[in-house]
Amino acid sequence: MISLLRQFAANSSRVNIPGNQCSGTCSDTGLPGSAVTNGTISNLLQIAFGIIGAVAVLYIVIAALQLITSGGNPESAKKARETIIYAVIGLIVAVSAEAIVTFFLNNL
């Protein structure tokens, strides 16, 4: 049984399926190739994470202004502090996600 599987695996790249016309670049399986590369995916994700990071920084600035202008109101100051904390967490998540995605795209 195992020898049959090995033989099938060895010959599977040579299988020609009738009607399977592959224009352009074909993979070993006979399926059409993709024009999307790791560079394209990396660029799109860097733009997305950059936008997320910019929004997080904008939230930090707005919350800091709210904290400054709270005028001693404890509820307003508390809300501004929580917004800053959540925005910093979001910024950390965005930077970490970009680092992880970049690492995997460069090493795969």
Protein backbone atom coordinates (compact mmCIF):
# COMPACT_ATOMS: atom_id res chain seq x y z
CA MET A 1 0.00 0.00 0.00
CA ILE A 2 2.78 2.41 0.93
CA SER A 3 4.69 1.61 -2.25
CA LEU A 4 1.57 2.42 -4.30
CA LEU A 5 1.27 5.79 -2.57
CA ARG A 6 4.94 6.53 -3.20
CA GLN A 7 4.55 5.61 -6.86
CA PHE A 8 1.46 7.79 -7.17
CA ALA A 9 3.26 10.70 -5.51
CA ALA A 10 6.24 10.29 -7.83
CA ASN A 11 4.04 10.25 -10.94
CA SER A 12 1.44 12.80 -9.85
CA SER A 13 3.32 15.75 -11.35
CA ARG A 14 3.22 14.04 -14.75
CA VAL A 15 -0.54 13.47 -14.80
CA ASN A 16 -2.16 15.16 -17.78
CA ILE A 17 -5.87 15.73 -17.30
CA PRO A 18 -7.75 16.13 -20.59
CA GLY A 19 -9.33 19.57 -20.95
CA ASN A 20 -7.05 21.07 -18.31
CA GLN A 21 -5.66 23.98 -20.27
CA CYS A 22 -3.37 26.16 -18.23
CA SER A 23 -2.48 29.45 -19.88
CA GLY A 24 0.47 31.28 -18.40
CA THR A 25 2.41 29.87 -15.48
CA CYS A 26 1.36 26.45 -14.22
CA SER A 27 2.37 24.77 -11.01
CA ASP A 28 3.51 21.16 -10.71
CA THR A 29 -0.08 20.12 -10.18
CA GLY A 30 -1.24 21.66 -13.44
CA LEU A 31 -3.17 24.42 -11.68
CA PRO A 32 -2.69 27.98 -12.88
CA GLY A 33 -0.18 30.10 -11.00
CA SER A 34 -1.00 33.28 -9.12
CA ALA A 35 0.30 36.77 -9.85
CA VAL A 36 0.16 37.65 -6.14
CA THR A 37 3.58 37.45 -4.53
CA ASN A 38 4.81 37.74 -0.96
CA GLY A 39 5.96 41.26 -1.79
CA THR A 40 2.47 42.31 -2.85
CA ILE A 41 0.89 40.81 0.26
CA SER A 42 3.57 42.36 2.45
CA ASN A 43 3.02 45.81 0.91
CA LEU A 44 -0.75 45.64 1.36
CA LEU A 45 -0.44 44.50 4.95
CA GLN A 46 2.13 47.20 5.74
CA ILE A 47 -0.29 49.82 4.43
CA ALA A 48 -3.14 48.34 6.49
CA PHE A 49 -1.06 48.15 9.68
CA GLY A 50 0.23 51.67 9.03
CA ILE A 51 -3.32 52.99 8.83
CA ILE A 52 -4.26 51.11 12.01
CA GLY A 53 -1.21 52.55 13.77
CA ALA A 54 -2.01 56.09 12.60
CA VAL A 55 -5.59 55.76 13.88
CA ALA A 56 -4.30 54.52 17.24
CA VAL A 57 -1.90 57.48 17.52
CA LEU A 58 -4.74 59.84 16.58
CA TYR A 59 -6.89 58.34 19.36
CA ILE A 60 -4.01 58.81 21.82
CA VAL A 61 -3.68 62.49 20.87
CA ILE A 62 -7.44 63.10 21.10
CA ALA A 63 -7.66 61.34 24.46
CA ALA A 64 -4.67 63.32 25.74
CA LEU A 65 -6.43 66.55 24.77
CA GLN A 66 -9.58 65.32 26.54
CA LEU A 67 -7.50 64.53 29.62
CA ILE A 68 -5.94 67.99 29.58
CA THR A 69 -9.29 69.73 29.11
CA SER A 70 -11.19 67.57 31.63
CA GLY A 71 -10.96 70.43 34.10
CA GLY A 72 -10.79 68.23 37.17
CA ASN A 73 -13.87 66.19 36.22
CA PRO A 74 -12.97 62.67 37.41
CA GLU A 75 -15.34 60.86 35.03
CA SER A 76 -14.03 62.71 31.98
CA ALA A 77 -10.42 62.11 33.07
CA LYS A 78 -11.14 58.41 33.65
CA LYS A 79 -12.70 58.05 30.20
CA ALA A 80 -9.69 59.78 28.59
CA ARG A 81 -7.23 57.54 30.46
CA GLU A 82 -9.11 54.42 29.38
CA THR A 83 -9.09 55.63 25.77
CA ILE A 84 -5.33 56.14 25.95
CA ILE A 85 -4.83 52.66 27.42
CA TYR A 86 -6.98 51.00 24.74
CA ALA A 87 -5.27 52.96 21.95
CA VAL A 88 -1.82 51.96 23.23
CA ILE A 89 -2.95 48.32 23.37
CA GLY A 90 -4.24 48.64 19.79
CA LEU A 91 -0.95 50.16 18.70
CA ILE A 92 1.00 47.33 20.32
CA VAL A 93 -1.24 44.74 18.63
CA ALA A 94 -0.82 46.43 15.22
CA VAL A 95 2.97 46.63 15.52
CA SER A 96 3.17 43.02 16.76
CA ALA A 97 0.92 41.80 13.95
CA GLU A 98 3.05 43.57 11.36
CA ALA A 99 6.23 42.07 12.82
CA ILE A 100 4.73 38.56 12.86
CA VAL A 101 3.37 38.79 9.30
CA THR A 102 6.63 40.23 7.97
CA PHE A 103 8.61 37.49 9.72
CA PHE A 104 6.49 34.72 8.22
CA LEU A 105 6.38 36.21 4.71
CA ASN A 106 10.15 36.64 4.66
CA ASN A 107 10.86 33.14 5.98
CA LEU A 108 8.39 31.08 3.96
